[in-house]
N, C-alpha and C. Protein backbone atom coordinates (compact mmCIF):
# COMPACT_ATOMS: atom_id res chain seq x y z
N MET A 1 -22.65 4.20 3.74
CA MET A 1 -21.82 4.35 4.91
C MET A 1 -20.88 5.53 4.67
N ASN A 2 -20.83 6.46 5.64
CA ASN A 2 -19.95 7.61 5.49
C ASN A 2 -18.69 7.43 6.34
N ILE A 3 -17.77 8.36 6.22
CA ILE A 3 -16.47 8.25 6.89
C ILE A 3 -16.61 8.28 8.40
N ASN A 4 -17.56 9.05 8.93
CA ASN A 4 -17.75 9.10 10.39
C ASN A 4 -18.20 7.75 10.92
N GLU A 5 -19.11 7.10 10.20
CA GLU A 5 -19.55 5.77 10.62
C GLU A 5 -18.40 4.78 10.56
N LEU A 6 -17.59 4.87 9.51
CA LEU A 6 -16.44 3.98 9.36
C LEU A 6 -15.44 4.19 10.49
N GLU A 7 -15.15 5.45 10.83
CA GLU A 7 -14.22 5.73 11.92
C GLU A 7 -14.74 5.18 13.25
N LYS A 8 -16.04 5.31 13.49
CA LYS A 8 -16.64 4.80 14.73
C LYS A 8 -16.53 3.28 14.79
N ILE A 9 -16.75 2.61 13.66
CA ILE A 9 -16.63 1.14 13.60
C ILE A 9 -15.20 0.74 13.93
N VAL A 10 -14.22 1.44 13.36
CA VAL A 10 -12.81 1.12 13.61
C VAL A 10 -12.46 1.35 15.08
N GLN A 11 -12.94 2.45 15.67
CA GLN A 11 -12.67 2.73 17.09
C GLN A 11 -13.25 1.64 17.98
N ILE A 12 -14.48 1.23 17.71
CA ILE A 12 -15.12 0.17 18.50
C ILE A 12 -14.34 -1.12 18.35
N PHE A 13 -13.94 -1.44 17.13
CA PHE A 13 -13.17 -2.66 16.88
C PHE A 13 -11.84 -2.62 17.63
N ASP A 14 -11.13 -1.48 17.56
CA ASP A 14 -9.84 -1.34 18.24
C ASP A 14 -9.95 -1.54 19.75
N SER A 15 -11.04 -1.07 20.34
CA SER A 15 -11.19 -1.19 21.79
C SER A 15 -11.80 -2.52 22.22
N SER A 16 -12.18 -3.36 21.26
CA SER A 16 -12.78 -4.66 21.59
C SER A 16 -11.71 -5.74 21.70
N ALA A 17 -12.12 -6.92 22.15
CA ALA A 17 -11.22 -8.08 22.25
C ALA A 17 -11.22 -8.89 20.96
N LEU A 18 -12.00 -8.46 19.97
CA LEU A 18 -12.07 -9.19 18.71
C LEU A 18 -10.74 -9.10 17.97
N SER A 19 -10.40 -10.17 17.24
CA SER A 19 -9.19 -10.12 16.42
C SER A 19 -9.54 -9.97 14.94
N LYS A 20 -10.77 -10.35 14.56
CA LYS A 20 -11.23 -10.20 13.17
C LYS A 20 -12.69 -9.78 13.17
N MET A 21 -13.05 -9.02 12.15
CA MET A 21 -14.45 -8.62 11.98
C MET A 21 -14.69 -8.33 10.51
N GLU A 22 -15.86 -8.73 10.02
CA GLU A 22 -16.25 -8.44 8.65
C GLU A 22 -17.66 -7.87 8.68
N LEU A 23 -17.86 -6.76 7.96
CA LEU A 23 -19.15 -6.08 7.94
C LEU A 23 -19.49 -5.77 6.49
N GLN A 24 -20.73 -6.06 6.11
CA GLN A 24 -21.16 -5.76 4.74
C GLN A 24 -22.36 -4.82 4.82
N SER A 25 -22.29 -3.74 4.02
CA SER A 25 -23.36 -2.77 3.95
C SER A 25 -23.53 -2.38 2.49
N GLY A 26 -24.61 -2.82 1.88
CA GLY A 26 -24.82 -2.55 0.46
C GLY A 26 -23.77 -3.23 -0.37
N ASP A 27 -23.07 -2.47 -1.22
CA ASP A 27 -22.04 -3.06 -2.08
C ASP A 27 -20.63 -2.90 -1.51
N VAL A 28 -20.52 -2.55 -0.22
CA VAL A 28 -19.21 -2.38 0.41
C VAL A 28 -19.03 -3.42 1.51
N THR A 29 -17.88 -4.09 1.49
CA THR A 29 -17.51 -5.03 2.53
C THR A 29 -16.29 -4.49 3.25
N ILE A 30 -16.34 -4.45 4.57
CA ILE A 30 -15.23 -3.97 5.38
C ILE A 30 -14.70 -5.14 6.19
N LYS A 31 -13.40 -5.39 6.08
CA LYS A 31 -12.74 -6.45 6.84
C LYS A 31 -11.72 -5.81 7.75
N LEU A 32 -11.81 -6.09 9.04
CA LEU A 32 -10.86 -5.58 10.02
C LEU A 32 -10.17 -6.76 10.66
N GLU A 33 -8.86 -6.62 10.88
CA GLU A 33 -8.10 -7.70 11.49
C GLU A 33 -7.00 -7.09 12.34
N LYS A 34 -6.84 -7.62 13.57
CA LYS A 34 -5.79 -7.16 14.47
C LYS A 34 -4.70 -8.21 14.50
N GLY A 35 -3.46 -7.74 14.42
CA GLY A 35 -2.32 -8.62 14.64
C GLY A 35 -1.75 -8.31 16.00
N THR A 36 -0.60 -8.87 16.31
CA THR A 36 0.01 -8.57 17.60
C THR A 36 0.65 -7.19 17.60
N GLU A 37 1.02 -6.68 16.42
CA GLU A 37 1.71 -5.40 16.34
C GLU A 37 0.80 -4.24 15.94
N SER A 38 -0.09 -4.47 14.94
CA SER A 38 -0.89 -3.36 14.44
C SER A 38 -2.17 -3.89 13.82
N ALA A 39 -3.13 -2.98 13.68
CA ALA A 39 -4.40 -3.34 13.06
C ALA A 39 -4.31 -3.08 11.56
N VAL A 40 -4.92 -3.96 10.79
CA VAL A 40 -4.97 -3.79 9.34
C VAL A 40 -6.42 -3.55 8.98
N VAL A 41 -6.69 -2.48 8.25
CA VAL A 41 -8.05 -2.14 7.88
C VAL A 41 -8.13 -2.11 6.37
N ALA A 42 -9.14 -2.79 5.82
CA ALA A 42 -9.30 -2.78 4.37
C ALA A 42 -10.78 -2.70 4.03
N ALA A 43 -11.15 -1.77 3.19
CA ALA A 43 -12.52 -1.69 2.70
C ALA A 43 -12.50 -2.18 1.26
N VAL A 44 -13.30 -3.19 0.99
CA VAL A 44 -13.30 -3.80 -0.34
C VAL A 44 -14.71 -3.72 -0.90
N PRO A 45 -14.92 -2.98 -1.99
CA PRO A 45 -16.24 -2.98 -2.60
C PRO A 45 -16.58 -4.37 -3.11
N ALA A 46 -17.80 -4.81 -2.84
CA ALA A 46 -18.20 -6.15 -3.24
C ALA A 46 -18.46 -6.24 -4.73
N VAL A 47 -18.92 -5.15 -5.35
CA VAL A 47 -19.29 -5.21 -6.75
C VAL A 47 -18.32 -4.44 -7.64
N LYS A 48 -17.91 -3.28 -7.19
CA LYS A 48 -17.17 -2.37 -8.06
C LYS A 48 -15.87 -1.93 -7.38
N GLN A 49 -14.74 -2.04 -8.08
CA GLN A 49 -13.44 -1.60 -7.56
C GLN A 49 -13.35 -0.09 -7.69
N THR A 50 -13.02 0.60 -6.58
CA THR A 50 -12.90 2.05 -6.64
C THR A 50 -11.47 2.53 -6.40
N MET A 51 -10.58 1.62 -5.97
CA MET A 51 -9.19 2.01 -5.73
C MET A 51 -8.45 2.12 -7.06
N VAL A 52 -7.50 3.03 -7.12
CA VAL A 52 -6.65 3.20 -8.29
C VAL A 52 -5.49 2.22 -8.15
N PRO A 53 -5.12 1.47 -9.19
CA PRO A 53 -3.99 0.54 -9.07
C PRO A 53 -2.69 1.28 -8.75
N ALA A 54 -1.76 0.59 -8.11
CA ALA A 54 -0.51 1.21 -7.67
C ALA A 54 0.32 1.72 -8.85
N ALA A 55 0.33 0.99 -9.92
CA ALA A 55 1.11 1.42 -11.08
C ALA A 55 0.45 0.90 -12.34
N VAL A 56 0.34 1.77 -13.32
CA VAL A 56 -0.25 1.37 -14.58
C VAL A 56 0.84 1.42 -15.64
N PRO A 57 1.31 0.24 -16.09
CA PRO A 57 2.37 0.26 -17.09
C PRO A 57 1.88 0.81 -18.42
N ASP A 58 2.73 1.57 -19.08
CA ASP A 58 2.39 2.06 -20.41
C ASP A 58 3.68 2.13 -21.24
N ALA A 59 3.58 2.59 -22.45
CA ALA A 59 4.73 2.60 -23.35
C ALA A 59 5.85 3.49 -22.83
N SER A 60 5.53 4.52 -22.04
CA SER A 60 6.56 5.42 -21.54
C SER A 60 6.95 5.11 -20.10
N ALA A 61 6.67 3.90 -19.63
CA ALA A 61 6.93 3.55 -18.23
C ALA A 61 8.40 3.47 -17.90
N ALA A 62 9.26 3.18 -18.88
CA ALA A 62 10.70 3.08 -18.60
C ALA A 62 11.27 4.48 -18.47
N GLU A 63 11.74 4.79 -17.27
CA GLU A 63 12.34 6.09 -17.00
C GLU A 63 13.66 5.84 -16.29
N VAL A 64 14.47 6.84 -16.20
CA VAL A 64 15.72 6.68 -15.49
C VAL A 64 15.44 6.79 -14.00
N CYS A 65 15.82 5.74 -13.25
CA CYS A 65 15.68 5.71 -11.80
C CYS A 65 17.08 5.75 -11.23
N GLY A 66 17.58 6.92 -10.92
CA GLY A 66 18.96 7.02 -10.45
C GLY A 66 19.89 6.68 -11.60
N GLU A 67 20.75 5.67 -11.40
CA GLU A 67 21.72 5.27 -12.41
C GLU A 67 21.17 4.22 -13.38
N ALA A 68 20.12 3.49 -12.99
CA ALA A 68 19.62 2.38 -13.81
C ALA A 68 18.27 2.71 -14.42
N LYS A 69 17.98 2.06 -15.54
CA LYS A 69 16.65 2.21 -16.14
C LYS A 69 15.69 1.33 -15.37
N GLY A 70 14.46 1.76 -15.32
CA GLY A 70 13.47 0.98 -14.60
C GLY A 70 12.09 1.58 -14.72
N HIS A 71 11.21 1.06 -13.90
CA HIS A 71 9.81 1.50 -13.89
C HIS A 71 9.49 2.05 -12.51
N TRP A 72 8.97 3.26 -12.46
CA TRP A 72 8.59 3.86 -11.18
C TRP A 72 7.22 3.35 -10.77
N VAL A 73 7.12 2.86 -9.55
CA VAL A 73 5.83 2.58 -8.92
C VAL A 73 5.43 3.91 -8.29
N LYS A 74 4.23 4.38 -8.63
CA LYS A 74 3.77 5.68 -8.15
C LYS A 74 2.66 5.51 -7.12
N SER A 75 2.56 6.47 -6.24
CA SER A 75 1.54 6.43 -5.20
C SER A 75 0.15 6.59 -5.82
N PRO A 76 -0.76 5.66 -5.50
CA PRO A 76 -2.11 5.76 -6.05
C PRO A 76 -3.01 6.72 -5.25
N LEU A 77 -2.48 7.27 -4.13
CA LEU A 77 -3.28 8.16 -3.30
C LEU A 77 -2.37 9.00 -2.42
N VAL A 78 -2.95 10.02 -1.80
CA VAL A 78 -2.24 10.85 -0.83
C VAL A 78 -2.28 10.14 0.51
N GLY A 79 -1.15 10.07 1.19
CA GLY A 79 -1.14 9.41 2.50
C GLY A 79 0.25 9.35 3.08
N THR A 80 0.40 8.55 4.14
CA THR A 80 1.68 8.36 4.81
C THR A 80 2.32 7.06 4.32
N PHE A 81 3.56 7.16 3.87
CA PHE A 81 4.32 6.03 3.32
C PHE A 81 5.00 5.26 4.45
N TYR A 82 4.83 3.94 4.46
CA TYR A 82 5.50 3.08 5.44
C TYR A 82 6.28 2.00 4.69
N ARG A 83 7.55 1.83 5.05
CA ARG A 83 8.38 0.80 4.43
C ARG A 83 8.15 -0.56 5.05
N SER A 84 7.52 -0.63 6.22
CA SER A 84 7.27 -1.89 6.91
C SER A 84 5.79 -2.00 7.22
N ASN A 85 5.29 -3.24 7.35
CA ASN A 85 3.89 -3.41 7.70
C ASN A 85 3.68 -3.55 9.21
N ILE A 86 4.77 -3.48 10.00
CA ILE A 86 4.65 -3.44 11.45
C ILE A 86 5.54 -2.32 11.99
N LYS A 87 5.12 -1.71 13.09
CA LYS A 87 5.86 -0.58 13.65
C LYS A 87 7.28 -1.01 14.01
N ASP A 88 8.26 -0.23 13.58
CA ASP A 88 9.68 -0.47 13.83
C ASP A 88 10.17 -1.81 13.29
N GLY A 89 9.46 -2.35 12.30
CA GLY A 89 9.86 -3.62 11.69
C GLY A 89 10.86 -3.41 10.57
N GLU A 90 11.38 -4.52 10.06
CA GLU A 90 12.29 -4.49 8.93
C GLU A 90 11.55 -3.97 7.69
N PRO A 91 12.22 -3.22 6.83
CA PRO A 91 11.56 -2.76 5.60
C PRO A 91 11.11 -3.95 4.75
N LEU A 92 9.99 -3.78 4.07
CA LEU A 92 9.48 -4.83 3.19
C LEU A 92 10.44 -5.07 2.03
N VAL A 93 11.00 -4.00 1.48
CA VAL A 93 11.99 -4.11 0.40
C VAL A 93 13.11 -3.10 0.62
N LYS A 94 14.28 -3.43 0.10
CA LYS A 94 15.44 -2.55 0.16
C LYS A 94 16.04 -2.47 -1.25
N VAL A 95 16.83 -1.45 -1.50
CA VAL A 95 17.52 -1.33 -2.79
C VAL A 95 18.38 -2.58 -2.97
N GLY A 96 18.25 -3.19 -4.14
CA GLY A 96 18.99 -4.42 -4.45
C GLY A 96 18.16 -5.68 -4.30
N ASP A 97 17.00 -5.59 -3.61
CA ASP A 97 16.13 -6.76 -3.45
C ASP A 97 15.48 -7.12 -4.78
N THR A 98 15.32 -8.42 -5.01
CA THR A 98 14.59 -8.91 -6.17
C THR A 98 13.13 -9.08 -5.77
N VAL A 99 12.22 -8.56 -6.59
CA VAL A 99 10.79 -8.68 -6.32
C VAL A 99 10.10 -9.37 -7.48
N ARG A 100 8.98 -9.99 -7.17
CA ARG A 100 8.16 -10.63 -8.19
C ARG A 100 6.82 -9.91 -8.26
N LYS A 101 6.15 -10.03 -9.37
CA LYS A 101 4.84 -9.41 -9.54
C LYS A 101 3.94 -9.86 -8.39
N GLY A 102 3.31 -8.90 -7.73
CA GLY A 102 2.41 -9.19 -6.62
C GLY A 102 3.05 -9.08 -5.24
N ASP A 103 4.39 -8.95 -5.17
CA ASP A 103 5.06 -8.81 -3.88
C ASP A 103 4.68 -7.48 -3.24
N LEU A 104 4.55 -7.48 -1.91
CA LEU A 104 4.23 -6.27 -1.15
C LEU A 104 5.47 -5.38 -1.09
N LEU A 105 5.32 -4.12 -1.54
CA LEU A 105 6.44 -3.18 -1.58
C LEU A 105 6.42 -2.22 -0.39
N CYS A 106 5.23 -1.72 -0.06
CA CYS A 106 5.11 -0.73 1.00
C CYS A 106 3.63 -0.60 1.38
N ILE A 107 3.38 0.23 2.37
CA ILE A 107 2.02 0.53 2.83
C ILE A 107 1.84 2.04 2.73
N ILE A 108 0.67 2.47 2.28
CA ILE A 108 0.33 3.89 2.33
C ILE A 108 -0.95 4.00 3.15
N GLU A 109 -0.85 4.76 4.26
CA GLU A 109 -1.99 4.95 5.14
C GLU A 109 -2.72 6.22 4.73
N ALA A 110 -4.03 6.09 4.54
CA ALA A 110 -4.86 7.25 4.22
C ALA A 110 -6.17 7.10 4.98
N MET A 111 -6.52 8.09 5.77
CA MET A 111 -7.76 8.08 6.55
C MET A 111 -7.86 6.82 7.41
N LYS A 112 -6.77 6.47 8.08
CA LYS A 112 -6.68 5.32 8.98
C LYS A 112 -6.85 3.98 8.27
N MET A 113 -6.75 3.98 6.96
CA MET A 113 -6.83 2.74 6.20
C MET A 113 -5.45 2.43 5.63
N MET A 114 -5.01 1.18 5.83
CA MET A 114 -3.70 0.75 5.36
C MET A 114 -3.86 0.16 3.96
N ASN A 115 -3.24 0.79 2.98
CA ASN A 115 -3.33 0.37 1.58
C ASN A 115 -2.02 -0.30 1.17
N GLU A 116 -2.10 -1.57 0.81
CA GLU A 116 -0.92 -2.32 0.39
C GLU A 116 -0.57 -1.96 -1.05
N ILE A 117 0.68 -1.60 -1.29
CA ILE A 117 1.16 -1.30 -2.64
C ILE A 117 2.02 -2.48 -3.07
N ARG A 118 1.61 -3.14 -4.14
CA ARG A 118 2.27 -4.35 -4.61
C ARG A 118 2.97 -4.11 -5.95
N SER A 119 3.97 -4.92 -6.20
CA SER A 119 4.73 -4.82 -7.45
C SER A 119 3.87 -5.28 -8.62
N ASP A 120 3.94 -4.55 -9.72
CA ASP A 120 3.18 -4.92 -10.92
C ASP A 120 4.06 -5.66 -11.92
N ARG A 121 5.31 -6.00 -11.51
CA ARG A 121 6.23 -6.68 -12.41
C ARG A 121 7.35 -7.33 -11.61
N ASP A 122 8.08 -8.23 -12.25
CA ASP A 122 9.29 -8.82 -11.68
C ASP A 122 10.44 -7.84 -11.90
N GLY A 123 11.39 -7.81 -10.97
CA GLY A 123 12.55 -6.95 -11.16
C GLY A 123 13.38 -6.80 -9.91
N VAL A 124 14.24 -5.80 -9.92
CA VAL A 124 15.13 -5.51 -8.80
C VAL A 124 14.87 -4.07 -8.36
N ILE A 125 14.76 -3.85 -7.05
CA ILE A 125 14.56 -2.50 -6.52
C ILE A 125 15.85 -1.71 -6.76
N THR A 126 15.74 -0.63 -7.55
CA THR A 126 16.92 0.19 -7.86
C THR A 126 16.91 1.52 -7.11
N ALA A 127 15.75 1.95 -6.63
CA ALA A 127 15.68 3.22 -5.89
C ALA A 127 14.41 3.25 -5.05
N ILE A 128 14.52 3.86 -3.87
CA ILE A 128 13.35 4.16 -3.03
C ILE A 128 13.41 5.65 -2.80
N ASN A 129 12.41 6.36 -3.31
CA ASN A 129 12.43 7.81 -3.40
C ASN A 129 11.83 8.51 -2.17
N VAL A 130 11.31 7.75 -1.20
CA VAL A 130 10.57 8.33 -0.09
C VAL A 130 11.10 7.77 1.23
N ASP A 131 11.22 8.64 2.23
CA ASP A 131 11.62 8.19 3.57
C ASP A 131 10.42 7.60 4.30
N ASN A 132 10.71 6.69 5.23
CA ASN A 132 9.67 6.05 6.01
C ASN A 132 8.87 7.09 6.80
N GLU A 133 7.57 6.87 6.91
CA GLU A 133 6.64 7.70 7.68
C GLU A 133 6.58 9.15 7.19
N THR A 134 6.71 9.34 5.88
CA THR A 134 6.55 10.68 5.31
C THR A 134 5.33 10.71 4.40
N MET A 135 4.82 11.89 4.17
CA MET A 135 3.65 12.06 3.31
C MET A 135 4.04 11.88 1.85
N VAL A 136 3.15 11.22 1.10
CA VAL A 136 3.33 11.12 -0.34
C VAL A 136 2.10 11.71 -1.01
N GLU A 137 2.31 12.24 -2.18
CA GLU A 137 1.23 12.82 -2.98
C GLU A 137 0.74 11.80 -3.99
N TYR A 138 -0.44 12.03 -4.53
CA TYR A 138 -0.96 11.19 -5.60
C TYR A 138 0.01 11.23 -6.77
N ASP A 139 0.31 10.08 -7.34
CA ASP A 139 1.16 9.93 -8.53
C ASP A 139 2.64 10.26 -8.27
N GLU A 140 3.03 10.37 -6.99
CA GLU A 140 4.45 10.61 -6.67
C GLU A 140 5.25 9.33 -6.89
N LYS A 141 6.44 9.46 -7.46
CA LYS A 141 7.32 8.32 -7.68
C LYS A 141 7.84 7.85 -6.33
N ILE A 142 7.59 6.56 -5.99
CA ILE A 142 8.02 6.09 -4.68
C ILE A 142 9.10 5.01 -4.76
N ILE A 143 8.95 4.03 -5.63
CA ILE A 143 9.92 2.93 -5.72
C ILE A 143 10.19 2.63 -7.19
N CYS A 144 11.48 2.43 -7.52
CA CYS A 144 11.86 2.11 -8.89
C CYS A 144 12.23 0.63 -8.99
N ILE A 145 11.66 -0.04 -9.97
CA ILE A 145 11.94 -1.46 -10.21
C ILE A 145 12.65 -1.57 -11.56
N GLY A 146 13.89 -2.05 -11.51
CA GLY A 146 14.67 -2.26 -12.72
C GLY A 146 14.58 -3.70 -13.18
N GLU A 147 15.11 -3.97 -14.35
CA GLU A 147 15.08 -5.32 -14.90
C GLU A 147 16.10 -6.20 -14.19
N VAL A 148 15.78 -7.49 -14.08
CA VAL A 148 16.69 -8.46 -13.47
C VAL A 148 17.86 -8.67 -14.42
N GLN A 149 19.08 -8.60 -13.90
CA GLN A 149 20.28 -8.79 -14.73
C GLN A 149 20.68 -10.23 -14.78
């Protein structure tokens, strides 16, 4: 399946009355779901993971995030950064919020696909380096998670 076919599937789904759709082609499964505010699109390989994880912890992961020490969550891809999962909604996280491993931090849209960026550790948000609805580059520092005090 190529990108043109995928875009056509998404357009047809958007213009339909369907609220959910799942399509499997070879080793790729595509799940589409409409909410009341926005459509969520996710392509999930059935056999092999091809997405880069949001953050890979390593020995040098502790860096200075503003005034506090912490771990930078970096963008796994080039795309548009969204602080909320619905248009004009409340931000998913704010500076000072406590997060747990697996919590949704932000969304990065790339090629009309919404990619959820989740926390890889427990901690407190100490910095958000990107404004809402702005472009982010691969490996750009987006959110800093400090240790819980």
